[in-house]
């Protein structure tokens, strides 16, 4: 398996894992969005709760230039560490939610 396919599989595995954490009796649906043509991947919540609309992105990851960009992490988990556990190198993970200036002080890729 080439690197790009491996990274796609890692991202899908993580998003599917977090999709399972929604309550079975909830009117809120956890939807995974896998755009493998443009390499955009998201987990979003959609539904209604107490007569209020619920919509929001929980996780958003992209693949750009052979690197995984964590664009948004609305969980308490360290998604970067989960990617590392799945075999992704720190040098191939970009913490996109940090400014480029801040990224240089992490152990991860700057861009």
N, C-alpha and C. Protein backbone atom coordinates (compact mmCIF):
# COMPACT_ATOMS: atom_id res chain seq x y z
N UNK A 1 0.85 -1.18 0.00
CA UNK A 1 0.00 0.00 0.00
C UNK A 1 0.89 1.24 0.00
N UNK A 2 0.58 2.18 -0.87
CA UNK A 2 1.39 3.39 -0.91
C UNK A 2 1.02 4.32 0.25
N UNK A 3 1.86 5.32 0.47
CA UNK A 3 1.73 6.21 1.61
C UNK A 3 0.38 6.95 1.61
N UNK A 4 -0.05 7.43 0.46
CA UNK A 4 -1.30 8.16 0.39
C UNK A 4 -2.48 7.28 0.80
N UNK A 5 -2.53 6.07 0.31
CA UNK A 5 -3.61 5.15 0.69
C UNK A 5 -3.54 4.79 2.17
N UNK A 6 -2.34 4.62 2.69
CA UNK A 6 -2.17 4.34 4.11
C UNK A 6 -2.73 5.49 4.95
N UNK A 7 -2.40 6.72 4.56
CA UNK A 7 -2.87 7.87 5.32
C UNK A 7 -4.39 8.02 5.23
N UNK A 8 -4.96 7.75 4.07
CA UNK A 8 -6.42 7.78 3.93
C UNK A 8 -7.06 6.76 4.86
N UNK A 9 -6.51 5.57 4.89
CA UNK A 9 -7.05 4.52 5.76
C UNK A 9 -6.94 4.88 7.23
N UNK A 10 -5.83 5.47 7.63
CA UNK A 10 -5.64 5.89 9.03
C UNK A 10 -6.69 6.93 9.43
N UNK A 11 -6.90 7.91 8.57
CA UNK A 11 -7.88 8.96 8.85
C UNK A 11 -9.28 8.37 8.95
N UNK A 12 -9.64 7.53 8.00
CA UNK A 12 -10.97 6.91 8.01
C UNK A 12 -11.17 6.08 9.28
N UNK A 13 -10.15 5.37 9.69
CA UNK A 13 -10.23 4.55 10.90
C UNK A 13 -10.51 5.42 12.12
N UNK A 14 -9.82 6.53 12.23
CA UNK A 14 -10.01 7.42 13.37
C UNK A 14 -11.41 8.04 13.36
N UNK A 15 -11.84 8.53 12.21
CA UNK A 15 -13.16 9.15 12.13
C UNK A 15 -14.27 8.15 12.44
N UNK A 16 -14.15 6.94 11.95
CA UNK A 16 -15.16 5.91 12.24
C UNK A 16 -15.18 5.57 13.73
N UNK A 17 -14.01 5.58 14.35
CA UNK A 17 -13.93 5.31 15.78
C UNK A 17 -14.72 6.36 16.57
N UNK A 18 -14.51 7.63 16.25
CA UNK A 18 -15.19 8.70 16.99
C UNK A 18 -16.67 8.81 16.61
N UNK A 19 -17.02 8.35 15.44
CA UNK A 19 -18.42 8.32 15.03
C UNK A 19 -19.23 7.40 15.94
N UNK A 20 -18.63 6.36 16.45
CA UNK A 20 -19.32 5.39 17.29
C UNK A 20 -19.64 5.92 18.69
N UNK A 21 -19.07 7.05 19.08
CA UNK A 21 -19.28 7.56 20.43
C UNK A 21 -20.59 8.30 20.61
N UNK A 22 -21.42 8.42 19.58
CA UNK A 22 -22.71 9.08 19.75
C UNK A 22 -23.68 8.12 20.42
N UNK A 23 -24.62 8.68 21.15
CA UNK A 23 -25.61 7.87 21.85
C UNK A 23 -26.56 7.23 20.85
N UNK A 24 -26.90 5.99 21.10
CA UNK A 24 -27.77 5.24 20.19
C UNK A 24 -29.18 5.84 20.13
N UNK A 25 -29.66 6.40 21.23
CA UNK A 25 -31.02 6.94 21.27
C UNK A 25 -31.07 8.43 20.95
N UNK A 26 -29.98 9.00 20.53
CA UNK A 26 -29.91 10.43 20.25
C UNK A 26 -30.48 10.76 18.88
N UNK A 27 -31.07 11.94 18.76
CA UNK A 27 -31.56 12.42 17.46
C UNK A 27 -30.44 13.10 16.69
N UNK A 28 -29.26 13.12 17.27
CA UNK A 28 -28.10 13.72 16.60
C UNK A 28 -27.31 12.62 15.92
N UNK A 29 -27.08 12.83 14.66
CA UNK A 29 -26.37 11.85 13.84
C UNK A 29 -24.92 12.29 13.65
N UNK A 30 -24.02 11.36 13.80
CA UNK A 30 -22.61 11.61 13.52
C UNK A 30 -22.34 11.13 12.10
N UNK A 31 -21.97 12.04 11.22
CA UNK A 31 -21.74 11.70 9.82
C UNK A 31 -20.26 11.83 9.48
N UNK A 32 -19.75 10.84 8.79
CA UNK A 32 -18.38 10.94 8.28
C UNK A 32 -18.45 11.40 6.83
N UNK A 33 -17.52 12.26 6.48
CA UNK A 33 -17.42 12.78 5.12
C UNK A 33 -16.03 12.42 4.61
N UNK A 34 -15.98 11.57 3.60
CA UNK A 34 -14.70 11.12 3.03
C UNK A 34 -14.61 11.60 1.58
N UNK A 35 -13.93 12.68 1.34
CA UNK A 35 -13.70 13.18 -0.02
C UNK A 35 -12.31 12.73 -0.45
N UNK A 36 -12.23 11.53 -1.03
CA UNK A 36 -10.93 10.98 -1.41
C UNK A 36 -10.39 11.60 -2.70
N UNK A 37 -11.25 12.29 -3.44
CA UNK A 37 -10.77 12.97 -4.64
C UNK A 37 -9.93 14.20 -4.29
N UNK A 38 -10.38 14.94 -3.26
CA UNK A 38 -9.66 16.15 -2.84
C UNK A 38 -8.97 15.98 -1.50
N UNK A 39 -9.11 14.81 -0.91
CA UNK A 39 -8.51 14.45 0.39
C UNK A 39 -8.92 15.38 1.53
N UNK A 40 -10.23 15.52 1.69
CA UNK A 40 -10.82 16.22 2.83
C UNK A 40 -11.66 15.20 3.60
N UNK A 41 -11.51 15.20 4.92
CA UNK A 41 -12.19 14.19 5.75
C UNK A 41 -12.74 14.87 7.00
N UNK A 42 -14.02 14.61 7.30
CA UNK A 42 -14.64 15.25 8.45
C UNK A 42 -15.58 14.30 9.19
N UNK A 43 -15.75 14.61 10.45
CA UNK A 43 -16.81 14.02 11.26
C UNK A 43 -17.67 15.19 11.72
N UNK A 44 -18.95 15.17 11.37
CA UNK A 44 -19.85 16.27 11.74
C UNK A 44 -21.06 15.72 12.48
N UNK A 45 -21.59 16.54 13.37
CA UNK A 45 -22.83 16.22 14.07
C UNK A 45 -23.97 16.98 13.40
N UNK A 46 -25.08 16.28 13.15
CA UNK A 46 -26.24 16.87 12.49
C UNK A 46 -27.49 16.36 13.18
N UNK A 47 -28.41 17.26 13.49
CA UNK A 47 -29.68 16.82 14.07
C UNK A 47 -30.34 17.90 14.90
N UNK A 48 -31.23 17.43 15.77
CA UNK A 48 -32.00 18.32 16.64
C UNK A 48 -31.94 17.81 18.07
N UNK A 49 -31.86 18.75 19.01
CA UNK A 49 -31.88 18.40 20.43
C UNK A 49 -32.62 19.50 21.18
N UNK A 50 -33.67 19.12 21.89
CA UNK A 50 -34.47 20.09 22.64
C UNK A 50 -34.94 21.25 21.76
N UNK A 51 -35.43 20.93 20.60
CA UNK A 51 -35.94 21.89 19.63
C UNK A 51 -34.88 22.89 19.15
N UNK A 52 -33.64 22.50 19.25
CA UNK A 52 -32.52 23.33 18.75
C UNK A 52 -31.77 22.55 17.69
N UNK A 53 -31.41 23.24 16.64
CA UNK A 53 -30.63 22.63 15.57
C UNK A 53 -29.20 22.43 16.04
N UNK A 54 -28.68 21.25 15.78
CA UNK A 54 -27.29 20.93 16.10
C UNK A 54 -26.56 20.64 14.79
N UNK A 55 -25.51 21.37 14.55
CA UNK A 55 -24.66 21.11 13.40
C UNK A 55 -23.26 21.60 13.77
N UNK A 56 -22.30 20.73 13.59
CA UNK A 56 -20.95 21.17 13.88
C UNK A 56 -19.92 20.14 13.48
N UNK A 57 -18.78 20.64 13.14
CA UNK A 57 -17.65 19.80 12.77
C UNK A 57 -16.92 19.39 14.05
N UNK A 58 -16.73 18.09 14.21
CA UNK A 58 -16.02 17.56 15.37
C UNK A 58 -14.55 17.35 15.02
N UNK A 59 -14.31 16.75 13.87
CA UNK A 59 -12.94 16.51 13.39
C UNK A 59 -12.84 16.86 11.91
N UNK A 60 -11.76 17.49 11.54
CA UNK A 60 -11.50 17.82 10.13
C UNK A 60 -10.02 17.59 9.86
N UNK A 61 -9.74 16.67 8.96
CA UNK A 61 -8.37 16.37 8.54
C UNK A 61 -8.29 16.44 7.03
N UNK A 62 -7.17 16.89 6.53
CA UNK A 62 -6.89 16.94 5.10
C UNK A 62 -5.57 16.26 4.83
N UNK A 63 -5.38 15.85 3.60
CA UNK A 63 -4.07 15.39 3.15
C UNK A 63 -3.61 16.38 2.09
N UNK A 64 -2.48 17.02 2.36
CA UNK A 64 -1.90 17.98 1.42
C UNK A 64 -0.41 17.68 1.29
N UNK A 65 0.06 17.57 0.07
CA UNK A 65 1.48 17.35 -0.18
C UNK A 65 2.05 16.19 0.64
N UNK A 66 1.30 15.08 0.65
CA UNK A 66 1.73 13.85 1.33
C UNK A 66 1.81 13.98 2.85
N UNK A 67 1.12 14.99 3.41
CA UNK A 67 1.10 15.17 4.87
C UNK A 67 -0.35 15.27 5.34
N UNK A 68 -0.59 14.80 6.56
CA UNK A 68 -1.91 14.89 7.16
C UNK A 68 -1.98 16.19 7.95
N UNK A 69 -2.95 17.01 7.59
CA UNK A 69 -3.20 18.28 8.27
C UNK A 69 -4.39 18.10 9.20
N UNK A 70 -4.19 18.31 10.48
CA UNK A 70 -5.30 18.30 11.43
C UNK A 70 -5.82 19.74 11.47
N UNK A 71 -6.93 19.96 10.78
CA UNK A 71 -7.48 21.31 10.66
C UNK A 71 -8.32 21.71 11.87
N UNK A 72 -9.01 20.72 12.44
CA UNK A 72 -9.86 21.00 13.61
C UNK A 72 -9.98 19.72 14.43
N UNK A 73 -9.87 19.87 15.73
CA UNK A 73 -10.07 18.76 16.65
C UNK A 73 -10.98 19.23 17.77
N UNK A 74 -12.24 18.87 17.68
CA UNK A 74 -13.20 19.25 18.70
C UNK A 74 -13.38 18.19 19.77
N UNK A 75 -12.45 17.26 19.86
CA UNK A 75 -12.50 16.23 20.90
C UNK A 75 -11.46 16.57 21.97
N UNK A 76 -11.47 15.80 23.03
CA UNK A 76 -10.44 15.95 24.06
C UNK A 76 -9.25 15.05 23.78
N UNK A 77 -9.34 14.23 22.74
CA UNK A 77 -8.28 13.28 22.41
C UNK A 77 -7.17 13.96 21.62
N UNK A 78 -6.01 13.36 21.68
CA UNK A 78 -4.87 13.84 20.90
C UNK A 78 -4.83 13.03 19.60
N UNK A 79 -5.44 13.57 18.58
CA UNK A 79 -5.55 12.88 17.30
C UNK A 79 -4.17 12.66 16.69
N UNK A 80 -3.25 13.58 16.88
CA UNK A 80 -1.89 13.42 16.35
C UNK A 80 -1.24 12.16 16.93
N UNK A 81 -1.40 11.94 18.21
CA UNK A 81 -0.83 10.74 18.83
C UNK A 81 -1.49 9.47 18.29
N UNK A 82 -2.78 9.55 18.02
CA UNK A 82 -3.47 8.38 17.45
C UNK A 82 -2.95 8.07 16.05
N UNK A 83 -2.66 9.12 15.28
CA UNK A 83 -2.07 8.91 13.95
C UNK A 83 -0.69 8.27 14.07
N UNK A 84 0.09 8.73 15.02
CA UNK A 84 1.43 8.15 15.24
C UNK A 84 1.31 6.68 15.60
N UNK A 85 0.35 6.35 16.47
CA UNK A 85 0.13 4.95 16.85
C UNK A 85 -0.24 4.08 15.66
N UNK A 86 -0.82 4.71 14.62
CA UNK A 86 -1.19 3.98 13.41
C UNK A 86 -0.07 3.95 12.38
N UNK A 87 1.10 4.51 12.73
CA UNK A 87 2.26 4.41 11.85
C UNK A 87 2.59 5.66 11.06
N UNK A 88 1.90 6.77 11.33
CA UNK A 88 2.20 8.02 10.62
C UNK A 88 3.36 8.72 11.33
N UNK A 89 4.33 9.16 10.57
CA UNK A 89 5.49 9.86 11.13
C UNK A 89 5.10 11.26 11.59
N UNK A 90 5.71 11.72 12.68
CA UNK A 90 5.47 13.08 13.17
C UNK A 90 5.79 14.12 12.09
N UNK A 91 6.75 13.81 11.25
CA UNK A 91 7.15 14.76 10.21
C UNK A 91 6.11 14.83 9.08
N UNK A 92 5.11 13.96 9.13
CA UNK A 92 4.03 13.97 8.14
C UNK A 92 2.70 14.42 8.73
N UNK A 93 2.75 15.01 9.93
CA UNK A 93 1.54 15.52 10.59
C UNK A 93 1.72 17.02 10.80
N UNK A 94 0.74 17.79 10.33
CA UNK A 94 0.75 19.24 10.50
C UNK A 94 -0.42 19.61 11.41
N UNK A 95 -0.14 20.36 12.45
CA UNK A 95 -1.19 20.85 13.34
C UNK A 95 -1.74 22.14 12.75
N UNK A 96 -2.63 21.99 11.78
CA UNK A 96 -3.15 23.13 11.03
C UNK A 96 -3.93 24.12 11.87
N UNK A 97 -4.40 23.70 13.04
CA UNK A 97 -5.15 24.61 13.91
C UNK A 97 -4.23 25.56 14.67
N UNK A 98 -2.90 25.33 14.58
CA UNK A 98 -1.92 26.28 15.13
C UNK A 98 -1.42 27.18 14.02
N UNK A 99 -1.07 28.40 14.35
CA UNK A 99 -0.51 29.31 13.35
C UNK A 99 0.83 28.76 12.87
N UNK A 100 1.25 29.11 11.64
CA UNK A 100 2.55 28.64 11.15
C UNK A 100 3.69 29.02 12.10
N UNK A 101 3.60 30.17 12.74
CA UNK A 101 4.64 30.58 13.68
C UNK A 101 4.72 29.61 14.86
N UNK A 102 3.58 29.22 15.38
CA UNK A 102 3.53 28.32 16.54
C UNK A 102 3.99 26.91 16.20
N UNK A 103 3.73 26.48 14.97
CA UNK A 103 4.04 25.10 14.58
C UNK A 103 5.53 24.78 14.69
N UNK A 104 6.38 25.77 14.52
CA UNK A 104 7.82 25.52 14.57
C UNK A 104 8.28 25.06 15.95
N UNK A 105 7.46 25.28 16.95
CA UNK A 105 7.84 24.93 18.32
C UNK A 105 7.28 23.55 18.74
N UNK A 106 6.65 22.85 17.80
CA UNK A 106 6.12 21.52 18.09
C UNK A 106 7.08 20.49 17.50
N UNK A 107 6.80 19.23 17.81
CA UNK A 107 7.59 18.14 17.24
C UNK A 107 7.04 17.70 15.89
N UNK A 108 6.04 18.43 15.39
CA UNK A 108 5.39 18.03 14.15
C UNK A 108 5.83 18.92 13.00
N UNK A 109 5.34 18.59 11.80
CA UNK A 109 5.71 19.35 10.60
C UNK A 109 5.15 20.76 10.67
N UNK A 110 5.85 21.69 10.04
CA UNK A 110 5.41 23.09 10.00
C UNK A 110 4.38 23.26 8.88
N UNK A 111 4.63 22.62 7.75
CA UNK A 111 3.68 22.66 6.63
C UNK A 111 4.01 21.57 5.63
